[in-house]
Structure formats: structure tokens, C-alpha cells
C-alpha atoms as a PDB file:
ATOM      1  CA  MET A   1      13.754 -13.096  -7.709  1.00  0.00           C
ATOM      2  CA  GLN A   2      10.352 -12.251  -7.110  1.00  0.00           C
ATOM      3  CA  TYR A   3       9.672 -13.746 -10.850  1.00  0.00           C
ATOM      4  CA  GLN A   4      10.854 -16.764 -10.246  1.00  0.00           C
ATOM      5  CA  LEU A   5       7.383 -18.843 -11.328  1.00  0.00           C
ATOM      6  CA  ALA A   6       7.706 -17.033 -14.182  1.00  0.00           C
ATOM      7  CA  LEU A   7      11.134 -18.135 -15.156  1.00  0.00           C
ATOM      8  CA  GLN A   8      10.305 -21.429 -14.076  1.00  0.00           C
ATOM      9  CA  ALA A   9       7.750 -22.069 -16.047  1.00  0.00           C
ATOM     10  CA  SER A  10       9.947 -20.762 -19.254  1.00  0.00           C
ATOM     11  CA  ARG A  11      12.811 -22.810 -18.421  1.00  0.00           C
ATOM     12  CA  GLN A  12      10.397 -25.873 -18.822  1.00  0.00           C
ATOM     13  CA  ASN A  13      10.640 -25.317 -22.528  1.00  0.00           C
ATOM     14  CA  ASN A  14      13.556 -23.442 -22.962  1.00  0.00           C
ATOM     15  CA  PRO A  15      16.718 -24.215 -20.255  1.00  0.00           C
ATOM     16  CA  ARG A  16      18.377 -20.797 -21.792  1.00  0.00           C
ATOM     17  CA  MET A  17      15.686 -18.498 -20.583  1.00  0.00           C
ATOM     18  CA  ASP A  18      16.524 -15.885 -18.289  1.00  0.00           C
ATOM     19  CA  SER A  19      14.889 -13.027 -16.533  1.00  0.00           C
ATOM     20  CA  HIS A  20      16.220 -10.309 -19.283  1.00  0.00           C
ATOM     21  CA  ALA A  21      15.043 -12.479 -22.074  1.00  0.00           C
ATOM     22  CA  LEU A  22      11.659 -13.340 -20.379  1.00  0.00           C
ATOM     23  CA  SER A  23      11.505  -9.526 -20.002  1.00  0.00           C
ATOM     24  CA  ARG A  24      12.103  -9.178 -23.733  1.00  0.00           C
ATOM     25  CA  MET A  25       9.407 -11.622 -24.674  1.00  0.00           C
ATOM     26  CA  LEU A  26       6.896  -9.468 -22.780  1.00  0.00           C
ATOM     27  CA  GLN A  27       8.173  -6.062 -24.313  1.00  0.00           C
ATOM     28  CA  VAL A  28       7.451  -7.521 -27.720  1.00  0.00           C
ATOM     29  CA  GLY A  29       3.983  -9.096 -26.869  1.00  0.00           C
ATOM     30  CA  LEU A  30       4.000 -12.107 -25.538  1.00  0.00           C
ATOM     31  CA  CYS A  31       0.921 -11.406 -24.274  1.00  0.00           C
ATOM     32  CA  PRO A  32      -1.626 -10.020 -26.867  1.00  0.00           C
ATOM     33  CA  CYS A  33      -3.200  -7.524 -24.408  1.00  0.00           C
ATOM     34  CA  LEU A  34      -0.096  -6.062 -22.656  1.00  0.00           C
ATOM     35  CA  SER A  35       0.191  -3.753 -25.990  1.00  0.00           C
ATOM     36  CA  ARG A  36      -1.911  -1.027 -24.481  1.00  0.00           C
ATOM     37  CA  PHE A  37      -0.341  -1.187 -21.570  1.00  0.00           C
ATOM     38  CA  LYS A  38       3.318  -0.179 -23.141  1.00  0.00           C
ATOM     39  CA  SER A  39       2.794   3.867 -22.951  1.00  0.00           C
ATOM     40  CA  THR A  40       2.212   4.131 -19.375  1.00  0.00           C
ATOM     41  CA  THR A  41       5.472   2.941 -18.649  1.00  0.00           C
ATOM     42  CA  SER A  42       7.232   5.750 -20.358  1.00  0.00           C
ATOM     43  CA  VAL A  43       4.382   8.853 -20.002  1.00  0.00           C
ATOM     44  CA  LYS A  44       4.400  10.457 -16.704  1.00  0.00           C
ATOM     45  CA  GLN A  45       0.550  10.695 -15.267  1.00  0.00           C
ATOM     46  CA  GLU A  46      -0.732  13.650 -14.727  1.00  0.00           C
ATOM     47  CA  TRP A  47      -3.734  14.780 -11.721  1.00  0.00           C
ATOM     48  CA  PRO A  48      -6.144  17.184 -12.299  1.00  0.00           C
ATOM     49  CA  GLN A  49      -5.702  19.756  -9.706  1.00  0.00           C
ATOM     50  CA  LEU A  50      -9.439  20.982  -8.981  1.00  0.00           C
ATOM     51  CA  GLU A  51     -10.933  17.260  -8.810  1.00  0.00           C
ATOM     52  CA  GLN A  52     -13.363  16.846  -5.335  1.00  0.00           C
ATOM     53  CA  SER A  53     -12.651  13.186  -4.863  1.00  0.00           C
ATOM     54  CA  THR A  54      -9.968  10.388  -4.783  1.00  0.00           C
ATOM     55  CA  VAL A  55     -12.500   7.678  -4.938  1.00  0.00           C
ATOM     56  CA  ASP A  56     -12.755   5.165  -7.656  1.00  0.00           C
ATOM     57  CA  GLU A  57     -16.669   4.057  -7.537  1.00  0.00           C
ATOM     58  CA  ALA A  58     -15.686   0.994  -9.587  1.00  0.00           C
ATOM     59  CA  ASP A  59     -12.774  -0.118  -7.124  1.00  0.00           C
ATOM     60  CA  ILE A  60     -14.577   0.845  -3.995  1.00  0.00           C
ATOM     61  CA  LYS A  61     -17.745  -1.675  -5.346  1.00  0.00           C
ATOM     62  CA  HIS A  62     -15.327  -4.164  -6.443  1.00  0.00           C
ATOM     63  CA  HIS A  63     -13.389  -4.414  -3.174  1.00  0.00           C
ATOM     64  CA  SER A  64     -16.635  -4.035  -0.891  1.00  0.00           C
ATOM     65  CA  GLU A  65     -17.534  -7.362  -2.863  1.00  0.00           C
ATOM     66  CA  MET A  66     -14.759  -9.032  -0.318  1.00  0.00           C
ATOM     67  CA  ALA A  67     -15.037  -7.302   2.501  1.00  0.00           C
ATOM     68  CA  SER A  68     -16.811 -10.415   3.645  1.00  0.00           C
ATOM     69  CA  LYS A  69     -13.536 -13.047   3.305  1.00  0.00           C
ATOM     70  CA  TRP A  70     -11.626  -9.859   4.520  1.00  0.00           C
ATOM     71  CA  TRP A  71      -9.728 -11.669   7.371  1.00  0.00           C
ATOM     72  CA  ASP A  72      -9.608 -15.150   5.921  1.00  0.00           C
ATOM     73  CA  ASP A  73      -5.758 -15.208   5.887  1.00  0.00           C
ATOM     74  CA  ARG A  74      -5.577 -18.261   3.535  1.00  0.00           C
ATOM     75  CA  GLY A  75      -7.737 -16.712   0.970  1.00  0.00           C
ATOM     76  CA  VAL A  76      -7.806 -13.915  -1.335  1.00  0.00           C
ATOM     77  CA  THR A  77      -6.249 -11.365   1.395  1.00  0.00           C
ATOM     78  CA  ARG A  78      -3.026 -13.843   2.577  1.00  0.00           C
ATOM     79  CA  GLY A  79      -0.904 -11.255   0.926  1.00  0.00           C
ATOM     80  CA  LEU A  80      -2.342  -8.733   2.746  1.00  0.00           C
ATOM     81  CA  HIS A  81      -1.618 -11.000   6.447  1.00  0.00           C
ATOM     82  CA  ALA A  82       1.415 -11.728   4.987  1.00  0.00           C
ATOM     83  CA  LEU A  83       2.569  -8.582   4.456  1.00  0.00           C
ATOM     84  CA  ASN A  84       2.218  -7.289   8.221  1.00  0.00           C
ATOM     85  CA  LYS A  85       5.624  -8.893   8.929  1.00  0.00           C
ATOM     86  CA  LEU A  86       6.811  -5.977   6.740  1.00  0.00           C
ATOM     87  CA  ARG A  87       4.586  -3.361   7.804  1.00  0.00           C
ATOM     88  CA  ILE A  88       4.452  -3.327  11.141  1.00  0.00           C
ATOM     89  CA  PRO A  89       8.728  -2.510  11.740  1.00  0.00           C
ATOM     90  CA  PHE A  90       8.546  -0.449   8.274  1.00  0.00           C
ATOM     91  CA  VAL A  91       6.397   1.817  10.795  1.00  0.00           C
ATOM     92  CA  ARG A  92       7.936   1.345  14.055  1.00  0.00           C
ATOM     93  CA  ASP A  93      11.536   1.567  12.730  1.00  0.00           C
ATOM     94  CA  GLY A  94      10.882   3.956  10.713  1.00  0.00           C
ATOM     95  CA  LEU A  95       9.794   6.145  13.816  1.00  0.00           C
ATOM     96  CA  LEU A  96      12.528   5.230  15.514  1.00  0.00           C
ATOM     97  CA  ASN A  97      14.848   6.559  13.024  1.00  0.00           C
ATOM     98  CA  VAL A  98      13.401  10.261  13.017  1.00  0.00           C
ATOM     99  CA  GLY A  99      13.290  10.398  16.552  1.00  0.00           C
ATOM    100  CA  GLN A 100       9.566  10.103  16.794  1.00  0.00           C
ATOM    101  CA  ILE A 101      10.025   7.582  19.368  1.00  0.00           C
ATOM    102  CA  ASN A 102      12.892   6.507  21.811  1.00  0.00           C
ATOM    103  CA  LEU A 103      15.317   3.946  22.041  1.00  0.00           C
ATOM    104  CA  ALA A 104      13.805   2.536  25.104  1.00  0.00           C
ATOM    105  CA  LYS A 105      10.271   3.184  23.859  1.00  0.00           C
ATOM    106  CA  TRP A 106      10.987   0.981  20.608  1.00  0.00           C
ATOM    107  CA  GLN A 107      12.368  -2.220  23.065  1.00  0.00           C
ATOM    108  CA  SER A 108       9.141  -1.883  24.663  1.00  0.00           C
ATOM    109  CA  PRO A 109       5.944  -4.467  23.954  1.00  0.00           C
ATOM    110  CA  GLN A 110       3.702  -1.338  23.110  1.00  0.00           C
ATOM    111  CA  PRO A 111       6.635   1.037  21.046  1.00  0.00           C
ATOM    112  CA  LEU A 112       3.850   3.121  19.710  1.00  0.00           C
ATOM    113  CA  HIS A 113       2.280   3.766  22.969  1.00  0.00           C
ATOM    114  CA  GLY A 114       0.974   7.290  22.889  1.00  0.00           C
ATOM    115  CA  MET A 115       1.713   7.854  18.775  1.00  0.00           C
ATOM    116  CA  LYS A 116      -1.616   9.042  16.979  1.00  0.00           C
ATOM    117  CA  ILE A 117      -2.249   7.330  13.732  1.00  0.00           C
ATOM    118  CA  LEU A 118      -4.230   7.283  10.638  1.00  0.00           C
ATOM    119  CA  GLU A 119      -4.515   4.334   8.320  1.00  0.00           C
ATOM    120  CA  VAL A 120      -6.219   5.575   4.966  1.00  0.00           C
ATOM    121  CA  GLY A 121      -7.531   2.820   3.137  1.00  0.00           C
ATOM    122  CA  CYS A 122      -7.750   0.920   6.337  1.00  0.00           C
ATOM    123  CA  GLY A 123     -10.160  -1.937   4.655  1.00  0.00           C
ATOM    124  CA  GLY A 124     -11.553  -4.744   7.050  1.00  0.00           C
ATOM    125  CA  GLY A 125      -8.617  -3.991   9.483  1.00  0.00           C
ATOM    126  CA  ILE A 126      -5.880  -6.276   8.939  1.00  0.00           C
ATOM    127  CA  LEU A 127      -2.933  -3.577   9.671  1.00  0.00           C
ATOM    128  CA  THR A 128      -5.156  -1.420  12.088  1.00  0.00           C
ATOM    129  CA  GLU A 129      -5.806  -3.998  14.809  1.00  0.00           C
ATOM    130  CA  PRO A 130      -1.608  -4.691  14.888  1.00  0.00           C
ATOM    131  CA  LEU A 131      -0.633  -1.011  15.296  1.00  0.00           C
ATOM    132  CA  ALA A 132      -3.514  -1.017  17.680  1.00  0.00           C
ATOM    133  CA  ARG A 133      -1.930  -3.813  19.608  1.00  0.00           C
ATOM    134  CA  ILE A 134       1.705  -2.066  19.908  1.00  0.00           C
ATOM    135  CA  GLY A 135       0.463   1.202  21.439  1.00  0.00           C
ATOM    136  CA  ALA A 136      -1.055   2.885  18.858  1.00  0.00           C
ATOM    137  CA  ASN A 137      -4.501   5.026  19.155  1.00  0.00           C
ATOM    138  CA  VAL A 138      -5.479   4.381  15.195  1.00  0.00           C
ATOM    139  CA  THR A 139      -8.577   5.877  13.179  1.00  0.00           C
ATOM    140  CA  GLY A 140      -8.808   3.654  10.393  1.00  0.00           C
ATOM    141  CA  ILE A 141     -10.986   5.563   7.550  1.00  0.00           C
ATOM    142  CA  ASP A 142     -12.190   4.069   4.563  1.00  0.00           C
ATOM    143  CA  ALA A 143     -14.684   4.708   1.436  1.00  0.00           C
ATOM    144  CA  SER A 144     -16.413   1.601   1.727  1.00  0.00           C
ATOM    145  CA  GLN A 145     -18.962   1.151   4.085  1.00  0.00           C
ATOM    146  CA  ASN A 146     -18.654  -3.057   3.856  1.00  0.00           C
ATOM    147  CA  MET A 147     -14.925  -2.341   4.790  1.00  0.00           C
ATOM    148  CA  ILE A 148     -15.852  -0.301   7.503  1.00  0.00           C
ATOM    149  CA  ASP A 149     -18.688  -2.566   8.869  1.00  0.00           C
ATOM    150  CA  THR A 150     -15.929  -5.632   8.439  1.00  0.00           C
ATOM    151  CA  ALA A 151     -13.052  -4.046  10.017  1.00  0.00           C
ATOM    152  CA  SER A 152     -15.823  -2.664  13.477  1.00  0.00           C
ATOM    153  CA  SER A 153     -17.309  -6.042  14.040  1.00  0.00           C
ATOM    154  CA  HIS A 154     -13.995  -7.910  13.657  1.00  0.00           C
ATOM    155  CA  VAL A 155     -12.197  -5.192  16.321  1.00  0.00           C
ATOM    156  CA  CYS A 156     -15.126  -6.003  19.066  1.00  0.00           C
ATOM    157  CA  GLN A 157     -13.406  -9.669  19.204  1.00  0.00           C
ATOM    158  CA  ASP A 158     -10.361  -8.185  20.826  1.00  0.00           C
ATOM    159  CA  PRO A 159     -11.023  -6.000  23.884  1.00  0.00           C
ATOM    160  CA  ASN A 160      -7.793  -5.185  24.418  1.00  0.00           C
ATOM    161  CA  ILE A 161      -7.938  -2.758  21.808  1.00  0.00           C
ATOM    162  CA  SER A 162     -10.927  -1.861  20.559  1.00  0.00           C
ATOM    163  CA  ASN A 163     -11.051   1.003  22.734  1.00  0.00           C
ATOM    164  CA  SER A 164      -7.822   2.133  20.746  1.00  0.00           C
ATOM    165  CA  ILE A 165      -9.047   2.346  16.958  1.00  0.00           C
ATOM    166  CA  ILE A 166     -12.028   4.214  15.595  1.00  0.00           C
ATOM    167  CA  TYR A 167     -13.500   3.614  12.091  1.00  0.00           C
ATOM    168  CA  THR A 168     -15.181   5.900  10.394  1.00  0.00           C
ATOM    169  CA  CYS A 169     -16.548   5.433   6.252  1.00  0.00           C
ATOM    170  CA  ARG A 170     -15.322   8.737   4.508  1.00  0.00           C
ATOM    171  CA  THR A 171     -12.355   9.534   2.052  1.00  0.00           C
ATOM    172  CA  ILE A 172      -9.404  11.544   2.961  1.00  0.00           C
ATOM    173  CA  GLU A 173     -10.280  14.373   1.367  1.00  0.00           C
ATOM    174  CA  GLU A 174     -13.375  14.638   3.875  1.00  0.00           C
ATOM    175  CA  HIS A 175     -11.395  13.823   6.964  1.00  0.00           C
ATOM    176  CA  ALA A 176      -8.573  15.913   5.959  1.00  0.00           C
ATOM    177  CA  LYS A 177     -11.327  19.118   6.531  1.00  0.00           C
ATOM    178  CA  GLU A 178     -11.567  18.405  10.096  1.00  0.00           C
ATOM    179  CA  HIS A 179      -8.218  16.988  11.175  1.00  0.00           C
ATOM    180  CA  LYS A 180      -5.462  19.733   9.896  1.00  0.00           C
ATOM    181  CA  ASP A 181      -2.158  18.893  11.700  1.00  0.00           C
ATOM    182  CA  CYS A 182      -3.415  16.237  13.830  1.00  0.00           C
ATOM    183  CA  TYR A 183      -1.378  12.746  13.470  1.00  0.00           C
ATOM    184  CA  ASP A 184       1.668  11.887  14.100  1.00  0.00           C
ATOM    185  CA  ALA A 185       2.003   9.287  11.446  1.00  0.00           C
ATOM    186  CA  VAL A 186      -0.083   8.822   8.444  1.00  0.00           C
ATOM    187  CA  VAL A 187      -0.574   5.295   6.838  1.00  0.00           C
ATOM    188  CA  ALA A 188      -1.574   4.191   3.587  1.00  0.00           C
ATOM    189  CA  THR A 189      -0.497   1.013   2.426  1.00  0.00           C
ATOM    190  CA  GLU A 190      -1.639  -0.739  -1.002  1.00  0.00           C
ATOM    191  CA  VAL A 191      -4.021   1.995  -1.371  1.00  0.00           C
ATOM    192  CA  LEU A 192      -2.180   4.303  -3.505  1.00  0.00           C
ATOM    193  CA  GLU A 193      -2.686   2.026  -6.514  1.00  0.00           C
ATOM    194  CA  HIS A 194      -6.057   2.531  -6.190  1.00  0.00           C
ATOM    195  CA  VAL A 195      -7.453   6.275  -5.892  1.00  0.00           C
ATOM    196  CA  ILE A 196      -7.473   8.383  -8.391  1.00  0.00           C
ATOM    197  CA  HIS A 197      -5.953  12.037  -8.477  1.00  0.00           C
ATOM    198  CA  LYS A 198      -2.759  11.258  -6.637  1.00  0.00           C
ATOM    199  CA  ASP A 199      -2.261  14.494  -6.481  1.00  0.00           C
ATOM    200  CA  LEU A 200      -5.013  15.385  -4.071  1.00  0.00           C
ATOM    201  CA  PHE A 201      -4.761  12.076  -2.791  1.00  0.00           C
ATOM    202  CA  LEU A 202      -1.284  12.960  -1.141  1.00  0.00           C
ATOM    203  CA  ASP A 203      -2.123  16.284  -0.586  1.00  0.00           C
ATOM    204  CA  ALA A 204      -4.954  15.418   2.224  1.00  0.00           C
ATOM    205  CA  CYS A 205      -2.723  13.042   3.916  1.00  0.00           C
ATOM    206  CA  ILE A 206       0.336  14.931   4.553  1.00  0.00           C
ATOM    207  CA  SER A 207      -2.144  17.726   5.130  1.00  0.00           C
ATOM    208  CA  THR A 208      -3.296  15.768   8.528  1.00  0.00           C
ATOM    209  CA  LEU A 209      -0.051  15.391   9.769  1.00  0.00           C
ATOM    210  CA  LYS A 210       1.868  17.406  12.562  1.00  0.00           C
ATOM    211  CA  PRO A 211       4.780  19.045  11.623  1.00  0.00           C
ATOM    212  CA  GLY A 212       7.260  16.590  11.678  1.00  0.00           C
ATOM    213  CA  GLY A 213       5.236  13.709  11.510  1.00  0.00           C
ATOM    214  CA  SER A 214       5.590  10.588   9.065  1.00  0.00           C
ATOM    215  CA  ILE A 215       3.987   9.402   6.047  1.00  0.00           C
ATOM    216  CA  PHE A 216       4.218   5.707   5.262  1.00  0.00           C
ATOM    217  CA  ILE A 217       3.267   4.362   1.821  1.00  0.00           C
ATOM    218  CA  THR A 218       3.870   0.963  -0.026  1.00  0.00           C
ATOM    219  CA  THR A 219       2.326   0.662  -3.404  1.00  0.00           C
ATOM    220  CA  LEU A 220       2.885  -0.949  -6.885  1.00  0.00           C
ATOM    221  CA  ASN A 221       5.372   0.299  -9.154  1.00  0.00           C
ATOM    222  CA  ARG A 222       4.014   1.735 -13.111  1.00  0.00           C
ATOM    223  CA  THR A 223       6.529  -1.320 -15.208  1.00  0.00           C
ATOM    224  CA  ILE A 224       5.806  -3.786 -17.524  1.00  0.00           C
ATOM    225  CA  LEU A 225       7.324  -6.337 -15.123  1.00  0.00           C
ATOM    226  CA  MET A 226       5.025  -5.243 -12.117  1.00  0.00           C
ATOM    227  CA  TRP A 227       1.763  -5.856 -14.979  1.00  0.00           C
ATOM    228  CA  ALA A 228       3.479  -9.247 -15.492  1.00  0.00           C
ATOM    229  CA  ILE A 229       3.760 -10.727 -12.501  1.00  0.00           C
ATOM    230  CA  GLY A 230       1.541  -8.312 -10.668  1.00  0.00           C
ATOM    231  CA  ILE A 231      -1.174  -8.612 -12.507  1.00  0.00           C
ATOM    232  CA  PHE A 232      -1.211 -11.192 -15.045  1.00  0.00           C
ATOM    233  CA  LEU A 233       0.369 -13.773 -13.308  1.00  0.00           C
ATOM    234  CA  ALA A 234      -0.995 -13.173  -9.716  1.00  0.00           C
ATOM    235  CA  GLU A 235      -4.574 -12.612 -10.756  1.00  0.00           C
ATOM    236  CA  TYR A 236      -5.326 -14.709 -14.222  1.00  0.00           C
ATOM    237  CA  VAL A 237      -2.441 -17.440 -13.827  1.00  0.00           C
ATOM    238  CA  LEU A 238      -2.645 -18.199 -10.283  1.00  0.00           C
ATOM    239  CA  LYS A 239      -5.402 -16.294  -9.255  1.00  0.00           C
ATOM    240  CA  VAL A 240      -4.252 -15.780  -6.073  1.00  0.00           C
ATOM    241  CA  VAL A 241      -5.561 -11.725  -6.161  1.00  0.00           C
ATOM    242  CA  PRO A 242      -8.931 -11.629  -7.836  1.00  0.00           C
ATOM    243  CA  GLN A 243      -9.296 -10.546 -10.868  1.00  0.00           C
ATOM    244  CA  GLY A 244      -9.585  -6.763 -12.166  1.00  0.00           C
ATOM    245  CA  THR A 245      -8.116  -5.839  -8.620  1.00  0.00           C
ATOM    246  CA  HIS A 246      -4.872  -3.838 -10.161  1.00  0.00           C
ATOM    247  CA  ASP A 247      -4.664  -1.461 -13.371  1.00  0.00           C
ATOM    248  CA  LEU A 248      -1.188  -0.653 -14.372  1.00  0.00           C
ATOM    249  CA  ASN A 249      -2.391   2.804 -15.573  1.00  0.00           C
ATOM    250  CA  LYS A 250      -3.339   3.379 -12.142  1.00  0.00           C
ATOM    251  CA  CYS A 251       0.454   2.593 -10.406  1.00  0.00           C
ATOM    252  CA  ILE A 252       2.757   4.779  -9.784  1.00  0.00           C
ATOM    253  CA  THR A 253       6.567   5.657  -9.782  1.00  0.00           C
ATOM    254  CA  PRO A 254       8.743   5.797  -7.158  1.00  0.00           C
ATOM    255  CA  LEU A 255       9.587   9.183  -8.356  1.00  0.00           C
ATOM    256  CA  GLU A 256       6.209  10.300  -8.929  1.00  0.00           C
ATOM    257  CA  VAL A 257       5.168   9.665  -5.447  1.00  0.00           C
ATOM    258  CA  GLN A 258       8.797  11.141  -4.175  1.00  0.00           C
ATOM    259  CA  ALA A 259       7.955  14.362  -6.115  1.00  0.00           C
ATOM    260  CA  LEU A 260       4.214  14.505  -5.225  1.00  0.00           C
ATOM    261  CA  LEU A 261       5.835  14.353  -1.036  1.00  0.00           C
ATOM    262  CA  GLU A 262       8.261  16.996  -2.132  1.00  0.00           C
ATOM    263  CA  LYS A 263       5.372  19.179  -3.638  1.00  0.00           C
ATOM    264  CA  TYR A 264       3.427  18.621  -0.649  1.00  0.00           C
ATOM    265  CA  GLY A 265       6.090  19.585   2.178  1.00  0.00           C
ATOM    266  CA  CYS A 266       7.840  16.605   3.003  1.00  0.00           C
ATOM    267  CA  THR A 267      11.504  15.024   3.237  1.00  0.00           C
ATOM    268  CA  THR A 268      11.819  11.413   1.971  1.00  0.00           C
ATOM    269  CA  LYS A 269      14.001   9.336   4.458  1.00  0.00           C
ATOM    270  CA  LEU A 270      13.655   6.187   2.723  1.00  0.00           C
ATOM    271  CA  ILE A 271      12.671   4.261  -0.872  1.00  0.00           C
ATOM    272  CA  HIS A 272      12.589   0.597  -0.431  1.00  0.00           C
ATOM    273  CA  GLY A 273      11.646  -2.071  -2.536  1.00  0.00           C
ATOM    274  CA  MET A 274       9.420  -5.534  -1.723  1.00  0.00           C
ATOM    275  CA  ARG A 275       9.205  -9.320  -3.153  1.00  0.00           C
ATOM    276  CA  TYR A 276       6.577 -11.726  -2.777  1.00  0.00           C
ATOM    277  CA  ASN A 277       6.740 -15.442  -2.886  1.00  0.00           C
ATOM    278  CA  PHE A 278       3.708 -16.437  -4.522  1.00  0.00           C
ATOM    279  CA  LEU A 279       4.308 -19.964  -3.321  1.00  0.00           C
ATOM    280  CA  SER A 280       5.616 -19.815   0.524  1.00  0.00           C
ATOM    281  CA  ASN A 281       3.515 -16.718   0.771  1.00  0.00           C
ATOM    282  CA  GLU A 282       6.303 -14.704   2.665  1.00  0.00           C
ATOM    283  CA  TRP A 283       7.508 -11.112   1.733  1.00  0.00           C
ATOM    284  CA  HIS A 284      11.200  -9.876   2.128  1.00  0.00           C
ATOM    285  CA  TRP A 285      12.677  -6.648   1.620  1.00  0.00           C
ATOM    286  CA  SER A 286      14.587  -6.008  -1.176  1.00  0.00           C
ATOM    287  CA  SER A 287      16.962  -3.557  -3.542  1.00  0.00           C
ATOM    288  CA  ASP A 288      14.615  -4.074  -6.476  1.00  0.00           C
ATOM    289  CA  THR A 289      11.509  -1.484  -6.570  1.00  0.00           C
ATOM    290  CA  SER A 290      10.134  -2.810  -9.866  1.00  0.00           C
ATOM    291  CA  ILE A 291       7.079  -4.087  -8.605  1.00  0.00           C
ATOM    292  CA  ASN A 292       6.251  -3.087  -5.200  1.00  0.00           C
ATOM    293  CA  TYR A 293       7.991  -0.718  -2.844  1.00  0.00           C
ATOM    294  CA  ALA A 294       7.557   0.778   0.785  1.00  0.00           C
ATOM    295  CA  ILE A 295       8.441   5.117   0.658  1.00  0.00           C
ATOM    296  CA  HIS A 296       8.638   6.569   4.283  1.00  0.00           C
ATOM    297  CA  ALA A 297       8.608  10.810   4.071  1.00  0.00           C
ATOM    298  CA  VAL A 298       8.536  13.277   6.813  1.00  0.00           C
ATOM    299  CA  ARG A 299       6.581  16.468   6.826  1.00  0.00           C
ATOM    300  CA  LYS A 300       8.519  19.333   7.088  1.00  0.00           C
ATOM    301  CA  GLN A 301       8.540  21.852  10.220  1.00  0.00           C
ATOM    302  CA  HIS A 302       6.702  25.148   9.527  1.00  0.00           C
END
């Protein structure tokens, strides 16, 4: 399972330890700092309706400092690079399943040819470039100028896709004002857990979709197990992710995401769990959504 490393460490001292025991230990305070997160697993978040920005400036600063390391697939973004194994087919197959591309196109080398895609929170372009390689015309936006500079510099190394990608530094709410009903798909992967005012964020994302267009999201659940594995183990024990990258209080449950998608005129087509093996740096689909999960939804026709 995804938390195999934690179990192995526990079983060295207690061979009878299982996943349920580990969960119970975490809930009663195995780590002193866990107590301040407990309420977030049961109390639903509320997002202000009148706020004008989804940007967390501290989060932007944190990620901007990693911009120069973004394309090191053995460094701090190794997990993001590996996640493309799931993200590319997630988008491609999702578009097929809802009829936005046909089977003949899906089987071609460029199944997304002619598709207009917006990637929100594109970072340095780790997902943007592969989407362009399979035919999409991609607009990548990010609130970090450092990230956009990194992405723009890297894509110039491949003339086969450089004309298929447009990068710009702006927020989704700024972009949405000028691009209503514009895109065939919106992709926001590993982004939702970093923004504030998720209500505003998803409203803006969906408004840029054409009726019948798809939105693809991957993010982190707001559970004690996510804190134990995705934050404590990943950031403070194994240190495969820089400390301070994730905040449990900013994570969101699948049901909350689905409710917001429905609120802004989308129908959810898929909710699927994902699991990550820290040792092998490999991602796999899973029925368990307690840590990482993916959602595909379609904007309803007017």
C-alpha cells in the first residue's frame, strides 16, 4: 500500500503492527504537531465569495525558489515528473471517454491534435510539454514569474513544440475575464491544494471551458493519513519534498471538489485514487482516495 514505508518502520519494533494500528497511533498523537490538524478532517471548509485573488503569496514564493530545479527529474520534482505516467493518459483517455476525441484520433501519435487546452498552475512546464507533444495547443499560466521564465526557456529547446505552447504569468481569475468559453479542456494538477479561495478558483477555471469541455484535477485529500504520509513522511522524514510545500488545512476532499464542480455547472465523470511509491518513484492508480486523487468533470451544455 501507499504507506508501506511507515508500516515497515513500525513493524521493526512491533511485528504485529498493521495499518489500522498505525492510523490509531497517529490519531492519538504519535506526533505532537498532529493535534493542530485534527479538526480539519471533519469540519468542512468555507471559502469567501467576494475575494478577488486565489493566490497565496507565501506559496508562490516557496515554489519560485524551486524554479531552477524544476527540470531535474532526480531532484525535488522527481515525483511530478513520474506523475506524467498517469496524467497524460488521464487527460487523453478522459477526452475519449466523453466523446471529445474519437477512437481513430486516440490511436494516432497525436491524439490531442487540434485540442485547445489551458493548464492552470503550469509551473515550469513538466506537464505542458508532453501535452503539446501529443498534439494539443496549450496555454500555460502560473502566478510565479520565475516559473514562467523557466518554462519559456525550457520549451525553446524543442522546436517541434515551441509554437504549440503559450506561457503567461497571471492568475486564473485574471485569465478567465478575457477567455470565457474558450478551451476544450482545463488541466489543474497538483495545484488546488496550493490556492486559497477554492470556490473562486474553480469558478474561474470552469468559466474558460467551452460547453461540453472537460476539467481535469489531481490534488491531495484532507485526511490524517495524508498528513502522515504526504507531509510528515515525505517532507520531514524522507525529505523527498521540500519542507513547507503542503499544508493540510489547504487540502480538500473529493466530495467538496465535486460539490463545487456541480455548483458551477459541471458533471463529474470520474473520481479515482492514486498512490506513490517513494522508493521506486512510481505512481499507480488506486481505489483509495485518502491521500492523492484525480477528478474529471464536464461542463454542461448551455
